[in-house]
Amino acid sequence: MGTDEQTIFNSSGSKYDACLQNYMGFSQLAWYYLRTANALIEITFSDSSKLDVYVYAAVFLYRHSVELRLKDLIWMSNFILGKGKVFPKKHNLIELWQCLKNNATSLLNSDFPLSRDNVRYVEKTLKELTKYDPESDGFRYPFDKKMERTHPDVNHVDVRSLREQFNQIYECLGQITDKVVYLYDEAQSE
């Protein structure tokens, strides 16, 4: 048992003190969630006894990583479009993707970096996840707000496919990010 002097959110002076970066933005935190989800899945490749334990956290972390990345790109593109540094305060990945896609195609026109196949891929994957987790609570809680099971008709998750698909979505978003960040930097300097 710990002592009264021990605290969690304070430095103990040991090698086990994690540093919080209070200046980070959406994209860096999204990257941390993606890396953590990848690490959890990697553990299951060498120790499959952890699959059923880590799958909930991994799905949530992948989902949240993409949500943060979308919101980051939305607020930057909104700023460039003269709408201010705002982003939707919702969790539905399809709605967030549509908002970003509309902003990015408006800003980039023919320079939009994703092919039709890439767009279809992103949308298919986000729709599949949104079907089972529309508001980001499906893998955080055993019940939804109506006290019903969060995903009663899903019994398995292919974690290799999960990792591959979310890393591919991340790559697609990275292509948009490069162009949006460039335009955002230009807009900031004006």
C-alpha atoms as a PDB file:
ATOM      1  CA  MET A   1       0.000   0.000   0.000  1.00  0.00           C
ATOM      2  CA  GLY A   2       1.265   3.474  -0.841  1.00  0.00           C
ATOM      3  CA  THR A   3       1.955   6.210   1.623  1.00  0.00           C
ATOM      4  CA  ASP A   4       0.102   9.469   2.146  1.00  0.00           C
ATOM      5  CA  GLU A   5       3.041  11.288   0.540  1.00  0.00           C
ATOM      6  CA  GLN A   6       2.762   9.398  -2.760  1.00  0.00           C
ATOM      7  CA  THR A   7       0.966  11.160  -5.584  1.00  0.00           C
ATOM      8  CA  ILE A   8       0.296  10.189  -9.152  1.00  0.00           C
ATOM      9  CA  PHE A   9       0.500  13.559 -10.871  1.00  0.00           C
ATOM     10  CA  ASN A  10       3.819  14.693  -9.513  1.00  0.00           C
ATOM     11  CA  SER A  11       7.453  13.852 -10.058  1.00  0.00           C
ATOM     12  CA  SER A  12       8.864  11.075  -7.931  1.00  0.00           C
ATOM     13  CA  GLY A  13      12.364  11.733  -9.242  1.00  0.00           C
ATOM     14  CA  SER A  14      12.563   8.226 -10.653  1.00  0.00           C
ATOM     15  CA  LYS A  15      12.988   6.848 -14.150  1.00  0.00           C
ATOM     16  CA  TYR A  16       9.251   6.071 -14.113  1.00  0.00           C
ATOM     17  CA  ASP A  17       8.157   9.703 -14.337  1.00  0.00           C
ATOM     18  CA  ALA A  18       6.375  10.219 -17.647  1.00  0.00           C
ATOM     19  CA  CYS A  19       6.492  13.754 -18.993  1.00  0.00           C
ATOM     20  CA  LEU A  20       3.248  15.339 -20.113  1.00  0.00           C
ATOM     21  CA  GLN A  21       3.590  17.749 -22.990  1.00  0.00           C
ATOM     22  CA  ASN A  22       0.996  20.361 -22.157  1.00  0.00           C
ATOM     23  CA  TYR A  23       1.783  22.326 -25.320  1.00  0.00           C
ATOM     24  CA  MET A  24       0.960  19.523 -27.790  1.00  0.00           C
ATOM     25  CA  GLY A  25      -1.790  19.766 -30.353  1.00  0.00           C
ATOM     26  CA  PHE A  26      -4.312  17.363 -31.784  1.00  0.00           C
ATOM     27  CA  SER A  27      -1.944  15.823 -34.309  1.00  0.00           C
ATOM     28  CA  GLN A  28       0.767  14.918 -31.818  1.00  0.00           C
ATOM     29  CA  LEU A  29      -1.707  13.367 -29.393  1.00  0.00           C
ATOM     30  CA  ALA A  30      -3.311  11.500 -32.310  1.00  0.00           C
ATOM     31  CA  TRP A  31       0.129  10.143 -33.231  1.00  0.00           C
ATOM     32  CA  TYR A  32       0.644   8.957 -29.637  1.00  0.00           C
ATOM     33  CA  TYR A  33      -2.677   7.106 -29.682  1.00  0.00           C
ATOM     34  CA  LEU A  34      -1.816   5.474 -33.016  1.00  0.00           C
ATOM     35  CA  ARG A  35       1.618   4.379 -31.785  1.00  0.00           C
ATOM     36  CA  THR A  36       0.125   2.993 -28.569  1.00  0.00           C
ATOM     37  CA  ALA A  37      -2.529   1.016 -30.473  1.00  0.00           C
ATOM     38  CA  ASN A  38       0.166  -0.350 -32.785  1.00  0.00           C
ATOM     39  CA  ALA A  39       2.252  -1.366 -29.765  1.00  0.00           C
ATOM     40  CA  LEU A  40      -0.683  -3.209 -28.195  1.00  0.00           C
ATOM     41  CA  ILE A  41      -1.363  -5.095 -31.419  1.00  0.00           C
ATOM     42  CA  GLU A  42       2.336  -5.938 -31.803  1.00  0.00           C
ATOM     43  CA  ILE A  43       2.258  -7.529 -28.342  1.00  0.00           C
ATOM     44  CA  THR A  44      -0.633  -9.753 -29.423  1.00  0.00           C
ATOM     45  CA  PHE A  45       1.372 -11.004 -32.415  1.00  0.00           C
ATOM     46  CA  SER A  46       3.920 -12.544 -30.076  1.00  0.00           C
ATOM     47  CA  ASP A  47       1.475 -13.424 -27.275  1.00  0.00           C
ATOM     48  CA  SER A  48      -1.995 -14.201 -28.594  1.00  0.00           C
ATOM     49  CA  SER A  49      -3.285 -14.738 -25.055  1.00  0.00           C
ATOM     50  CA  LYS A  50      -3.481 -10.926 -24.866  1.00  0.00           C
ATOM     51  CA  LEU A  51      -5.759 -10.561 -27.931  1.00  0.00           C
ATOM     52  CA  ASP A  52      -9.046 -10.564 -26.051  1.00  0.00           C
ATOM     53  CA  VAL A  53      -7.661  -8.190 -23.419  1.00  0.00           C
ATOM     54  CA  TYR A  54      -6.015  -5.573 -25.651  1.00  0.00           C
ATOM     55  CA  VAL A  55      -8.556  -5.460 -28.476  1.00  0.00           C
ATOM     56  CA  TYR A  56     -10.899  -3.007 -26.710  1.00  0.00           C
ATOM     57  CA  ALA A  57      -8.164  -0.513 -25.946  1.00  0.00           C
ATOM     58  CA  ALA A  58      -6.616  -0.914 -29.401  1.00  0.00           C
ATOM     59  CA  VAL A  59      -9.884  -0.266 -31.270  1.00  0.00           C
ATOM     60  CA  PHE A  60     -10.594   2.751 -29.076  1.00  0.00           C
ATOM     61  CA  LEU A  61      -7.073   4.131 -29.518  1.00  0.00           C
ATOM     62  CA  TYR A  62      -7.136   3.729 -33.308  1.00  0.00           C
ATOM     63  CA  ARG A  63     -10.548   5.318 -33.483  1.00  0.00           C
ATOM     64  CA  HIS A  64      -9.602   8.205 -31.228  1.00  0.00           C
ATOM     65  CA  SER A  65      -6.377   8.777 -33.125  1.00  0.00           C
ATOM     66  CA  VAL A  66      -8.279   9.216 -36.380  1.00  0.00           C
ATOM     67  CA  GLU A  67     -10.896  11.406 -34.695  1.00  0.00           C
ATOM     68  CA  LEU A  68      -8.209  13.748 -33.379  1.00  0.00           C
ATOM     69  CA  ARG A  69      -6.446  13.828 -36.737  1.00  0.00           C
ATOM     70  CA  LEU A  70      -9.691  14.712 -38.512  1.00  0.00           C
ATOM     71  CA  LYS A  71     -10.481  17.463 -36.011  1.00  0.00           C
ATOM     72  CA  ASP A  72      -6.970  18.874 -36.382  1.00  0.00           C
ATOM     73  CA  LEU A  73      -7.345  19.107 -40.141  1.00  0.00           C
ATOM     74  CA  ILE A  74     -10.858  20.516 -39.844  1.00  0.00           C
ATOM     75  CA  TRP A  75      -9.905  23.413 -37.571  1.00  0.00           C
ATOM     76  CA  MET A  76      -6.901  24.294 -39.757  1.00  0.00           C
ATOM     77  CA  SER A  77      -8.943  24.138 -42.958  1.00  0.00           C
ATOM     78  CA  ASN A  78     -11.758  26.111 -41.311  1.00  0.00           C
ATOM     79  CA  PHE A  79      -9.245  28.816 -40.421  1.00  0.00           C
ATOM     80  CA  ILE A  80      -7.921  28.951 -43.978  1.00  0.00           C
ATOM     81  CA  LEU A  81     -11.503  29.218 -45.267  1.00  0.00           C
ATOM     82  CA  GLY A  82     -12.150  32.168 -42.929  1.00  0.00           C
ATOM     83  CA  LYS A  83     -14.376  30.259 -40.491  1.00  0.00           C
ATOM     84  CA  GLY A  84     -12.091  30.605 -37.473  1.00  0.00           C
ATOM     85  CA  LYS A  85     -10.170  27.954 -35.558  1.00  0.00           C
ATOM     86  CA  VAL A  86     -13.194  25.770 -34.846  1.00  0.00           C
ATOM     87  CA  PHE A  87     -13.966  22.090 -35.186  1.00  0.00           C
ATOM     88  CA  PRO A  88     -17.123  20.015 -34.674  1.00  0.00           C
ATOM     89  CA  LYS A  89     -17.667  18.875 -31.095  1.00  0.00           C
ATOM     90  CA  LYS A  90     -18.932  15.464 -32.130  1.00  0.00           C
ATOM     91  CA  HIS A  91     -17.451  11.999 -32.413  1.00  0.00           C
ATOM     92  CA  ASN A  92     -19.033  10.577 -35.571  1.00  0.00           C
ATOM     93  CA  LEU A  93     -16.106   9.747 -37.855  1.00  0.00           C
ATOM     94  CA  ILE A  94     -18.191   9.798 -41.044  1.00  0.00           C
ATOM     95  CA  GLU A  95     -19.486  13.290 -40.289  1.00  0.00           C
ATOM     96  CA  LEU A  96     -15.986  14.492 -39.405  1.00  0.00           C
ATOM     97  CA  TRP A  97     -14.566  12.942 -42.583  1.00  0.00           C
ATOM     98  CA  GLN A  98     -17.276  14.588 -44.718  1.00  0.00           C
ATOM     99  CA  CYS A  99     -16.512  17.954 -43.149  1.00  0.00           C
ATOM    100  CA  LEU A 100     -12.789  17.545 -43.814  1.00  0.00           C
ATOM    101  CA  LYS A 101     -13.325  16.228 -47.326  1.00  0.00           C
ATOM    102  CA  ASN A 102     -15.581  19.195 -48.161  1.00  0.00           C
ATOM    103  CA  ASN A 103     -13.068  21.680 -46.731  1.00  0.00           C
ATOM    104  CA  ALA A 104     -10.079  20.019 -48.390  1.00  0.00           C
ATOM    105  CA  THR A 105     -11.689  19.724 -51.816  1.00  0.00           C
ATOM    106  CA  SER A 106     -12.786  23.362 -51.558  1.00  0.00           C
ATOM    107  CA  LEU A 107      -9.271  24.464 -50.635  1.00  0.00           C
ATOM    108  CA  LEU A 108      -7.274  22.156 -52.869  1.00  0.00           C
ATOM    109  CA  ASN A 109      -9.591  21.713 -55.863  1.00  0.00           C
ATOM    110  CA  SER A 110      -7.737  19.620 -58.443  1.00  0.00           C
ATOM    111  CA  ASP A 111      -4.746  19.387 -56.076  1.00  0.00           C
ATOM    112  CA  PHE A 112      -6.720  17.142 -53.694  1.00  0.00           C
ATOM    113  CA  PRO A 113      -4.139  14.411 -53.017  1.00  0.00           C
ATOM    114  CA  LEU A 114      -6.322  11.323 -52.620  1.00  0.00           C
ATOM    115  CA  SER A 115      -7.435   9.179 -55.514  1.00  0.00           C
ATOM    116  CA  ARG A 116     -11.043   8.045 -55.757  1.00  0.00           C
ATOM    117  CA  ASP A 117      -9.909   4.609 -54.584  1.00  0.00           C
ATOM    118  CA  ASN A 118      -8.245   6.162 -51.515  1.00  0.00           C
ATOM    119  CA  VAL A 119     -11.395   8.141 -50.712  1.00  0.00           C
ATOM    120  CA  ARG A 120     -13.558   5.016 -51.082  1.00  0.00           C
ATOM    121  CA  TYR A 121     -11.151   3.078 -48.866  1.00  0.00           C
ATOM    122  CA  VAL A 122     -11.213   5.711 -46.112  1.00  0.00           C
ATOM    123  CA  GLU A 123     -14.992   5.978 -46.279  1.00  0.00           C
ATOM    124  CA  LYS A 124     -15.528   2.196 -46.281  1.00  0.00           C
ATOM    125  CA  THR A 125     -13.299   1.719 -43.241  1.00  0.00           C
ATOM    126  CA  LEU A 126     -14.784   4.642 -41.316  1.00  0.00           C
ATOM    127  CA  LYS A 127     -18.318   3.458 -42.119  1.00  0.00           C
ATOM    128  CA  GLU A 128     -17.523  -0.023 -40.844  1.00  0.00           C
ATOM    129  CA  LEU A 129     -16.210   1.317 -37.547  1.00  0.00           C
ATOM    130  CA  THR A 130     -18.995   3.880 -37.240  1.00  0.00           C
ATOM    131  CA  LYS A 131     -21.559   1.114 -37.689  1.00  0.00           C
ATOM    132  CA  TYR A 132     -20.301  -0.501 -34.483  1.00  0.00           C
ATOM    133  CA  ASP A 133     -19.099   2.591 -32.646  1.00  0.00           C
ATOM    134  CA  PRO A 134     -20.927   5.707 -33.853  1.00  0.00           C
ATOM    135  CA  GLU A 135     -20.159   7.961 -30.892  1.00  0.00           C
ATOM    136  CA  SER A 136     -16.849   6.638 -29.544  1.00  0.00           C
ATOM    137  CA  ASP A 137     -18.299   4.701 -26.644  1.00  0.00           C
ATOM    138  CA  GLY A 138     -18.575   1.243 -28.197  1.00  0.00           C
ATOM    139  CA  PHE A 139     -15.174   0.085 -27.012  1.00  0.00           C
ATOM    140  CA  ARG A 140     -14.981   2.212 -23.868  1.00  0.00           C
ATOM    141  CA  TYR A 141     -18.127   0.960 -22.151  1.00  0.00           C
ATOM    142  CA  PRO A 142     -19.969  -2.376 -22.084  1.00  0.00           C
ATOM    143  CA  PHE A 143     -23.318  -0.536 -22.440  1.00  0.00           C
ATOM    144  CA  ASP A 144     -24.480   2.522 -24.370  1.00  0.00           C
ATOM    145  CA  LYS A 145     -26.513   5.424 -22.956  1.00  0.00           C
ATOM    146  CA  LYS A 146     -29.683   3.341 -23.324  1.00  0.00           C
ATOM    147  CA  MET A 147     -28.047   0.559 -21.268  1.00  0.00           C
ATOM    148  CA  GLU A 148     -27.908  -1.738 -24.290  1.00  0.00           C
ATOM    149  CA  ARG A 149     -24.814  -3.711 -25.272  1.00  0.00           C
ATOM    150  CA  THR A 150     -22.554  -1.520 -27.387  1.00  0.00           C
ATOM    151  CA  HIS A 151     -21.915  -4.020 -30.208  1.00  0.00           C
ATOM    152  CA  PRO A 152     -24.023  -7.163 -29.646  1.00  0.00           C
ATOM    153  CA  ASP A 153     -23.643  -8.485 -33.202  1.00  0.00           C
ATOM    154  CA  VAL A 154     -19.818  -8.348 -33.285  1.00  0.00           C
ATOM    155  CA  ASN A 155     -17.923 -11.274 -31.832  1.00  0.00           C
ATOM    156  CA  HIS A 156     -14.493 -10.971 -33.453  1.00  0.00           C
ATOM    157  CA  VAL A 157     -11.996  -8.347 -34.581  1.00  0.00           C
ATOM    158  CA  ASP A 158      -9.212  -9.193 -37.025  1.00  0.00           C
ATOM    159  CA  VAL A 159      -6.456  -7.222 -35.307  1.00  0.00           C
ATOM    160  CA  ARG A 160      -4.058  -7.502 -38.258  1.00  0.00           C
ATOM    161  CA  SER A 161      -6.671  -5.947 -40.510  1.00  0.00           C
ATOM    162  CA  LEU A 162      -7.511  -3.375 -37.827  1.00  0.00           C
ATOM    163  CA  ARG A 163      -3.891  -2.260 -37.612  1.00  0.00           C
ATOM    164  CA  GLU A 164      -3.374  -2.256 -41.365  1.00  0.00           C
ATOM    165  CA  GLN A 165      -6.532  -0.330 -42.171  1.00  0.00           C
ATOM    166  CA  PHE A 166      -6.053   2.373 -39.568  1.00  0.00           C
ATOM    167  CA  ASN A 167      -2.428   2.876 -40.507  1.00  0.00           C
ATOM    168  CA  GLN A 168      -3.518   3.211 -44.155  1.00  0.00           C
ATOM    169  CA  ILE A 169      -6.156   5.770 -43.181  1.00  0.00           C
ATOM    170  CA  TYR A 170      -3.471   7.617 -41.275  1.00  0.00           C
ATOM    171  CA  GLU A 171      -1.299   7.653 -44.426  1.00  0.00           C
ATOM    172  CA  CYS A 172      -4.194   9.037 -46.474  1.00  0.00           C
ATOM    173  CA  LEU A 173      -4.821  11.742 -43.908  1.00  0.00           C
ATOM    174  CA  GLY A 174      -1.099  12.491 -43.962  1.00  0.00           C
ATOM    175  CA  GLN A 175      -1.329  13.338 -47.666  1.00  0.00           C
ATOM    176  CA  ILE A 176      -4.074  15.844 -46.914  1.00  0.00           C
ATOM    177  CA  THR A 177      -2.171  17.125 -43.886  1.00  0.00           C
ATOM    178  CA  ASP A 178       0.885  18.098 -45.934  1.00  0.00           C
ATOM    179  CA  LYS A 179      -1.179  20.353 -48.179  1.00  0.00           C
ATOM    180  CA  VAL A 180      -3.437  21.800 -45.467  1.00  0.00           C
ATOM    181  CA  VAL A 181      -0.513  22.606 -43.161  1.00  0.00           C
ATOM    182  CA  TYR A 182       1.245  24.391 -46.034  1.00  0.00           C
ATOM    183  CA  LEU A 183      -1.849  26.539 -46.699  1.00  0.00           C
ATOM    184  CA  TYR A 184      -2.362  27.104 -42.970  1.00  0.00           C
ATOM    185  CA  ASP A 185       1.235  28.322 -42.562  1.00  0.00           C
ATOM    186  CA  GLU A 186       0.714  30.702 -45.482  1.00  0.00           C
ATOM    187  CA  ALA A 187      -2.540  31.999 -44.005  1.00  0.00           C
ATOM    188  CA  GLN A 188      -0.847  32.538 -40.631  1.00  0.00           C
ATOM    189  CA  SER A 189       1.907  34.642 -42.205  1.00  0.00           C
ATOM    190  CA  GLU A 190      -0.532  36.988 -43.948  1.00  0.00           C
END
